[in-house]
Amino acid sequence: MDHLSPLAVVQAQLDAYNARDMERLLATYAPDAEQFQLHGERLAQGHAELRARFQLRFAEPDLHAQLVSRTVMGAMVVDSELITRNLPEGLAQVELLCIYEVRAGLICKASFHTGATRRLLPPSA
């Protein structure tokens, strides 16, 4: 079986995230994949824990990840994104740095850093 390139895998993950397609999203991750805060704690390991994290996000009606920039170096893909989120204080955009390691056509490790800037957006008309 041909494996997708790291670029194609991460793009498929982003597309599935924005479509809120849980099965397609999990299909981009290795069964034992890990997610971390950058240089910090593990957030999830394995599909069951990933599913639980994504279900919380997918409950937000305005959730959307906008790719700002992407760098690919071998198995590593680094995305800078603006995430539209429904936060307690209102609709907001949050900066997110995502670092993905792709092996055998699947994301095996992902690390995230949330920027300090949270920009509140005006309510939709």
N, C-alpha and C. Protein backbone atom coordinates (compact mmCIF):
# COMPACT_ATOMS: atom_id res chain seq x y z
N MET A 1 0.84 -1.17 0.00
CA MET A 1 0.00 0.00 0.00
C MET A 1 0.89 1.24 0.00
N ASP A 2 0.58 2.19 -0.86
CA ASP A 2 1.33 3.44 -0.90
C ASP A 2 0.89 4.32 0.26
N HIS A 3 1.86 4.94 0.92
CA HIS A 3 1.55 5.86 2.01
C HIS A 3 1.47 7.27 1.45
N LEU A 4 0.56 8.05 1.98
CA LEU A 4 0.47 9.45 1.60
C LEU A 4 1.68 10.20 2.12
N SER A 5 2.04 11.28 1.46
CA SER A 5 3.14 12.12 1.93
C SER A 5 2.72 12.79 3.24
N PRO A 6 3.69 13.21 4.05
CA PRO A 6 3.34 13.94 5.27
C PRO A 6 2.45 15.15 4.99
N LEU A 7 2.75 15.88 3.92
CA LEU A 7 1.92 17.03 3.54
C LEU A 7 0.48 16.61 3.29
N ALA A 8 0.28 15.54 2.52
CA ALA A 8 -1.07 15.07 2.19
C ALA A 8 -1.81 14.58 3.44
N VAL A 9 -1.11 13.91 4.34
CA VAL A 9 -1.73 13.40 5.57
C VAL A 9 -2.21 14.56 6.44
N VAL A 10 -1.36 15.56 6.64
CA VAL A 10 -1.73 16.69 7.49
C VAL A 10 -2.85 17.51 6.84
N GLN A 11 -2.82 17.66 5.53
CA GLN A 11 -3.92 18.37 4.87
C GLN A 11 -5.23 17.60 5.01
N ALA A 12 -5.17 16.27 4.87
CA ALA A 12 -6.38 15.45 5.06
C ALA A 12 -6.90 15.59 6.49
N GLN A 13 -6.00 15.66 7.46
CA GLN A 13 -6.39 15.87 8.86
C GLN A 13 -7.09 17.21 9.03
N LEU A 14 -6.54 18.27 8.45
CA LEU A 14 -7.14 19.60 8.54
C LEU A 14 -8.51 19.63 7.87
N ASP A 15 -8.61 19.02 6.71
CA ASP A 15 -9.90 18.98 6.00
C ASP A 15 -10.95 18.23 6.81
N ALA A 16 -10.57 17.11 7.41
CA ALA A 16 -11.50 16.32 8.22
C ALA A 16 -11.91 17.08 9.48
N TYR A 17 -10.96 17.80 10.09
CA TYR A 17 -11.24 18.62 11.27
C TYR A 17 -12.29 19.67 10.93
N ASN A 18 -12.08 20.39 9.84
CA ASN A 18 -13.03 21.44 9.47
C ASN A 18 -14.38 20.88 9.04
N ALA A 19 -14.41 19.65 8.54
CA ALA A 19 -15.67 19.00 8.17
C ALA A 19 -16.32 18.33 9.38
N ARG A 20 -15.59 18.30 10.51
CA ARG A 20 -16.05 17.62 11.73
C ARG A 20 -16.37 16.15 11.45
N ASP A 21 -15.53 15.55 10.64
CA ASP A 21 -15.68 14.14 10.26
C ASP A 21 -14.74 13.31 11.14
N MET A 22 -15.28 12.82 12.24
CA MET A 22 -14.47 12.14 13.24
C MET A 22 -13.73 10.93 12.67
N GLU A 23 -14.42 10.09 11.92
CA GLU A 23 -13.77 8.86 11.42
C GLU A 23 -12.67 9.17 10.43
N ARG A 24 -12.92 10.12 9.54
CA ARG A 24 -11.89 10.52 8.58
C ARG A 24 -10.70 11.17 9.29
N LEU A 25 -10.99 11.94 10.34
CA LEU A 25 -9.93 12.58 11.12
C LEU A 25 -9.07 11.53 11.83
N LEU A 26 -9.70 10.60 12.53
CA LEU A 26 -8.95 9.58 13.25
C LEU A 26 -8.15 8.69 12.30
N ALA A 27 -8.63 8.55 11.06
CA ALA A 27 -7.93 7.73 10.07
C ALA A 27 -6.58 8.32 9.68
N THR A 28 -6.34 9.61 9.99
CA THR A 28 -5.05 10.23 9.69
C THR A 28 -4.04 10.03 10.82
N TYR A 29 -4.51 9.50 11.95
CA TYR A 29 -3.66 9.29 13.13
C TYR A 29 -3.36 7.81 13.32
N ALA A 30 -2.14 7.49 13.72
CA ALA A 30 -1.79 6.12 14.10
C ALA A 30 -2.64 5.72 15.31
N PRO A 31 -2.94 4.43 15.46
CA PRO A 31 -3.77 3.99 16.60
C PRO A 31 -3.19 4.38 17.96
N ASP A 32 -1.87 4.50 18.07
CA ASP A 32 -1.25 4.86 19.34
C ASP A 32 -0.67 6.28 19.31
N ALA A 33 -1.18 7.12 18.42
CA ALA A 33 -0.69 8.50 18.28
C ALA A 33 -0.82 9.26 19.60
N GLU A 34 0.08 10.22 19.76
CA GLU A 34 0.08 11.05 20.96
C GLU A 34 -0.04 12.52 20.58
N GLN A 35 -0.75 13.27 21.42
CA GLN A 35 -0.83 14.72 21.30
C GLN A 35 -0.28 15.33 22.57
N PHE A 36 0.49 16.42 22.41
CA PHE A 36 1.14 17.08 23.54
C PHE A 36 0.94 18.59 23.46
N GLN A 37 1.01 19.25 24.62
CA GLN A 37 1.29 20.67 24.65
C GLN A 37 2.76 20.76 24.28
N LEU A 38 3.16 21.72 23.47
CA LEU A 38 4.56 21.84 23.07
C LEU A 38 5.45 21.94 24.31
N HIS A 39 6.43 21.06 24.42
CA HIS A 39 7.37 20.98 25.54
C HIS A 39 6.67 20.73 26.87
N GLY A 40 5.50 20.07 26.82
CA GLY A 40 4.77 19.89 28.07
C GLY A 40 3.99 18.60 28.13
N GLU A 41 2.88 18.67 28.80
CA GLU A 41 2.10 17.49 29.14
C GLU A 41 1.48 16.81 27.92
N ARG A 42 1.28 15.50 28.07
CA ARG A 42 0.57 14.75 27.03
C ARG A 42 -0.91 15.04 27.19
N LEU A 43 -1.56 15.37 26.07
CA LEU A 43 -2.99 15.69 26.06
C LEU A 43 -3.85 14.47 25.77
N ALA A 44 -3.35 13.57 24.93
CA ALA A 44 -4.11 12.39 24.54
C ALA A 44 -3.16 11.35 23.96
N GLN A 45 -3.55 10.08 24.11
CA GLN A 45 -2.81 8.99 23.48
C GLN A 45 -3.82 7.96 23.01
N GLY A 46 -3.72 7.60 21.74
CA GLY A 46 -4.61 6.59 21.17
C GLY A 46 -5.93 7.18 20.68
N HIS A 47 -6.59 6.42 19.83
CA HIS A 47 -7.82 6.90 19.20
C HIS A 47 -8.92 7.23 20.20
N ALA A 48 -9.08 6.47 21.26
CA ALA A 48 -10.16 6.74 22.22
C ALA A 48 -9.98 8.12 22.87
N GLU A 49 -8.77 8.43 23.30
CA GLU A 49 -8.52 9.74 23.92
C GLU A 49 -8.57 10.86 22.89
N LEU A 50 -8.09 10.61 21.67
CA LEU A 50 -8.19 11.62 20.61
C LEU A 50 -9.66 11.91 20.30
N ARG A 51 -10.47 10.85 20.21
CA ARG A 51 -11.90 11.02 19.93
C ARG A 51 -12.55 11.92 20.99
N ALA A 52 -12.24 11.68 22.24
CA ALA A 52 -12.82 12.47 23.32
C ALA A 52 -12.42 13.95 23.20
N ARG A 53 -11.16 14.22 22.87
CA ARG A 53 -10.71 15.61 22.70
C ARG A 53 -11.42 16.28 21.53
N PHE A 54 -11.49 15.56 20.39
CA PHE A 54 -12.11 16.16 19.21
C PHE A 54 -13.61 16.34 19.40
N GLN A 55 -14.27 15.44 20.12
CA GLN A 55 -15.72 15.59 20.35
C GLN A 55 -16.02 16.88 21.09
N LEU A 56 -15.18 17.24 22.05
CA LEU A 56 -15.38 18.51 22.76
C LEU A 56 -15.28 19.69 21.80
N ARG A 57 -14.29 19.67 20.93
CA ARG A 57 -14.12 20.76 19.96
C ARG A 57 -15.27 20.80 18.96
N PHE A 58 -15.65 19.63 18.48
CA PHE A 58 -16.69 19.57 17.45
C PHE A 58 -18.05 20.05 17.96
N ALA A 59 -18.22 20.14 19.28
CA ALA A 59 -19.47 20.65 19.85
C ALA A 59 -19.59 22.17 19.68
N GLU A 60 -18.48 22.83 19.36
CA GLU A 60 -18.49 24.28 19.17
C GLU A 60 -19.05 24.59 17.77
N PRO A 61 -20.15 25.33 17.68
CA PRO A 61 -20.80 25.53 16.38
C PRO A 61 -19.97 26.31 15.35
N ASP A 62 -19.08 27.16 15.80
CA ASP A 62 -18.32 27.99 14.87
C ASP A 62 -16.87 27.54 14.68
N LEU A 63 -16.55 26.35 15.17
CA LEU A 63 -15.18 25.85 15.08
C LEU A 63 -14.69 25.80 13.63
N HIS A 64 -13.51 26.39 13.41
CA HIS A 64 -12.90 26.34 12.08
C HIS A 64 -11.41 26.64 12.21
N ALA A 65 -10.59 25.86 11.51
CA ALA A 65 -9.14 26.08 11.49
C ALA A 65 -8.75 26.66 10.13
N GLN A 66 -8.13 27.84 10.16
CA GLN A 66 -7.66 28.49 8.94
C GLN A 66 -6.14 28.38 8.90
N LEU A 67 -5.64 27.74 7.86
CA LEU A 67 -4.20 27.59 7.70
C LEU A 67 -3.60 28.94 7.31
N VAL A 68 -2.60 29.39 8.08
CA VAL A 68 -1.90 30.64 7.80
C VAL A 68 -0.62 30.36 7.03
N SER A 69 0.14 29.35 7.51
CA SER A 69 1.37 28.96 6.83
C SER A 69 1.68 27.51 7.16
N ARG A 70 2.49 26.90 6.31
CA ARG A 70 2.87 25.49 6.50
C ARG A 70 4.31 25.31 6.03
N THR A 71 5.07 24.55 6.81
CA THR A 71 6.43 24.17 6.47
C THR A 71 6.54 22.66 6.56
N VAL A 72 7.14 22.05 5.55
CA VAL A 72 7.35 20.60 5.55
C VAL A 72 8.84 20.34 5.48
N MET A 73 9.34 19.52 6.43
CA MET A 73 10.73 19.09 6.43
C MET A 73 10.73 17.60 6.69
N GLY A 74 10.83 16.82 5.63
CA GLY A 74 10.80 15.37 5.76
C GLY A 74 9.50 14.89 6.37
N ALA A 75 9.58 14.19 7.51
CA ALA A 75 8.39 13.64 8.17
C ALA A 75 7.67 14.66 9.04
N MET A 76 8.22 15.86 9.17
CA MET A 76 7.65 16.88 10.04
C MET A 76 6.89 17.93 9.25
N VAL A 77 5.71 18.27 9.74
CA VAL A 77 4.89 19.33 9.14
C VAL A 77 4.54 20.31 10.25
N VAL A 78 4.82 21.59 10.01
CA VAL A 78 4.53 22.63 10.99
C VAL A 78 3.51 23.59 10.39
N ASP A 79 2.37 23.67 11.05
CA ASP A 79 1.30 24.57 10.61
C ASP A 79 1.13 25.71 11.59
N SER A 80 0.91 26.89 11.06
CA SER A 80 0.44 28.03 11.84
C SER A 80 -1.01 28.23 11.44
N GLU A 81 -1.89 28.25 12.43
CA GLU A 81 -3.32 28.32 12.14
C GLU A 81 -3.99 29.39 12.99
N LEU A 82 -5.10 29.89 12.48
CA LEU A 82 -6.02 30.71 13.26
C LEU A 82 -7.26 29.86 13.47
N ILE A 83 -7.59 29.62 14.73
CA ILE A 83 -8.72 28.76 15.06
C ILE A 83 -9.87 29.64 15.54
N THR A 84 -11.00 29.54 14.89
CA THR A 84 -12.21 30.20 15.36
C THR A 84 -12.87 29.28 16.36
N ARG A 85 -13.11 29.81 17.58
CA ARG A 85 -13.63 29.01 18.69
C ARG A 85 -14.77 29.74 19.37
N ASN A 86 -15.63 28.97 19.99
CA ASN A 86 -16.67 29.51 20.85
C ASN A 86 -16.19 29.40 22.29
N LEU A 87 -15.65 30.50 22.81
CA LEU A 87 -15.12 30.54 24.17
C LEU A 87 -16.17 31.12 25.11
N PRO A 88 -16.01 30.93 26.41
CA PRO A 88 -16.99 31.49 27.35
C PRO A 88 -17.21 33.00 27.17
N GLU A 89 -16.14 33.72 26.80
CA GLU A 89 -16.28 35.17 26.63
C GLU A 89 -16.82 35.57 25.25
N GLY A 90 -17.05 34.58 24.38
CA GLY A 90 -17.63 34.86 23.07
C GLY A 90 -16.85 34.22 21.93
N LEU A 91 -17.26 34.53 20.73
CA LEU A 91 -16.60 34.03 19.52
C LEU A 91 -15.22 34.67 19.42
N ALA A 92 -14.20 33.84 19.18
CA ALA A 92 -12.83 34.36 19.18
C ALA A 92 -11.98 33.62 18.17
N GLN A 93 -10.87 34.25 17.81
CA GLN A 93 -9.83 33.60 17.02
C GLN A 93 -8.61 33.43 17.91
N VAL A 94 -8.03 32.23 17.84
CA VAL A 94 -6.87 31.88 18.65
C VAL A 94 -5.76 31.42 17.72
N GLU A 95 -4.53 31.89 17.96
CA GLU A 95 -3.39 31.43 17.19
C GLU A 95 -2.97 30.05 17.70
N LEU A 96 -2.62 29.16 16.78
CA LEU A 96 -2.18 27.83 17.17
C LEU A 96 -1.02 27.41 16.28
N LEU A 97 0.05 26.93 16.92
CA LEU A 97 1.18 26.34 16.21
C LEU A 97 1.04 24.83 16.38
N CYS A 98 1.04 24.11 15.26
CA CYS A 98 0.85 22.65 15.26
C CYS A 98 2.07 22.00 14.63
N ILE A 99 2.66 21.05 15.32
CA ILE A 99 3.83 20.34 14.81
C ILE A 99 3.46 18.86 14.73
N TYR A 100 3.43 18.33 13.52
CA TYR A 100 3.02 16.95 13.29
C TYR A 100 4.21 16.12 12.83
N GLU A 101 4.33 14.91 13.37
CA GLU A 101 5.31 13.94 12.90
C GLU A 101 4.53 12.82 12.23
N VAL A 102 4.85 12.56 10.97
CA VAL A 102 4.13 11.56 10.18
C VAL A 102 5.06 10.41 9.86
N ARG A 103 4.62 9.20 10.18
CA ARG A 103 5.38 7.97 9.89
C ARG A 103 4.44 6.97 9.25
N ALA A 104 4.89 6.33 8.19
CA ALA A 104 4.11 5.30 7.49
C ALA A 104 2.72 5.81 7.12
N GLY A 105 2.64 7.08 6.72
CA GLY A 105 1.39 7.64 6.24
C GLY A 105 0.38 8.00 7.31
N LEU A 106 0.82 8.05 8.58
CA LEU A 106 -0.09 8.41 9.68
C LEU A 106 0.60 9.38 10.64
N ILE A 107 -0.18 10.24 11.25
CA ILE A 107 0.36 11.14 12.27
C ILE A 107 0.62 10.30 13.52
N CYS A 108 1.87 10.28 13.97
CA CYS A 108 2.21 9.51 15.17
C CYS A 108 2.36 10.40 16.39
N LYS A 109 2.68 11.68 16.16
CA LYS A 109 2.84 12.61 17.27
C LYS A 109 2.47 14.01 16.80
N ALA A 110 1.77 14.73 17.66
CA ALA A 110 1.42 16.12 17.36
C ALA A 110 1.63 16.94 18.62
N SER A 111 2.23 18.11 18.45
CA SER A 111 2.45 19.03 19.57
C SER A 111 1.85 20.37 19.19
N PHE A 112 1.26 21.03 20.19
CA PHE A 112 0.52 22.27 19.95
C PHE A 112 0.97 23.37 20.91
N HIS A 113 1.02 24.58 20.39
CA HIS A 113 1.28 25.75 21.21
C HIS A 113 0.22 26.79 20.88
N THR A 114 -0.53 27.19 21.89
CA THR A 114 -1.56 28.20 21.71
C THR A 114 -0.96 29.57 21.96
N GLY A 115 -1.17 30.47 21.03
CA GLY A 115 -0.66 31.83 21.18
C GLY A 115 -1.37 32.57 22.30
N ALA A 116 -0.73 33.61 22.80
CA ALA A 116 -1.29 34.40 23.89
C ALA A 116 -2.45 35.27 23.41
N THR A 117 -2.49 35.57 22.12
CA THR A 117 -3.49 36.47 21.59
C THR A 117 -4.81 35.75 21.32
N ARG A 118 -5.87 36.25 21.91
CA ARG A 118 -7.23 35.78 21.63
C ARG A 118 -8.02 37.01 21.20
N ARG A 119 -8.41 37.01 19.95
CA ARG A 119 -9.13 38.17 19.41
C ARG A 119 -10.61 37.84 19.38
N LEU A 120 -11.40 38.60 20.16
CA LEU A 120 -12.85 38.42 20.14
C LEU A 120 -13.40 38.94 18.82
N LEU A 121 -14.34 38.20 18.26
CA LEU A 121 -14.96 38.55 16.99
C LEU A 121 -16.35 39.11 17.25
N PRO A 122 -16.83 40.00 16.37
CA PRO A 122 -18.18 40.51 16.56
C PRO A 122 -19.20 39.41 16.32
N PRO A 123 -20.34 39.45 17.04
CA PRO A 123 -21.38 38.43 16.82
C PRO A 123 -21.89 38.50 15.38
N SER A 124 -22.29 37.33 14.85
CA SER A 124 -22.86 37.28 13.50
C SER A 124 -24.20 37.98 13.49
N ALA A 125 -24.48 38.61 12.37
CA ALA A 125 -25.76 39.33 12.25
C ALA A 125 -26.89 38.39 11.94
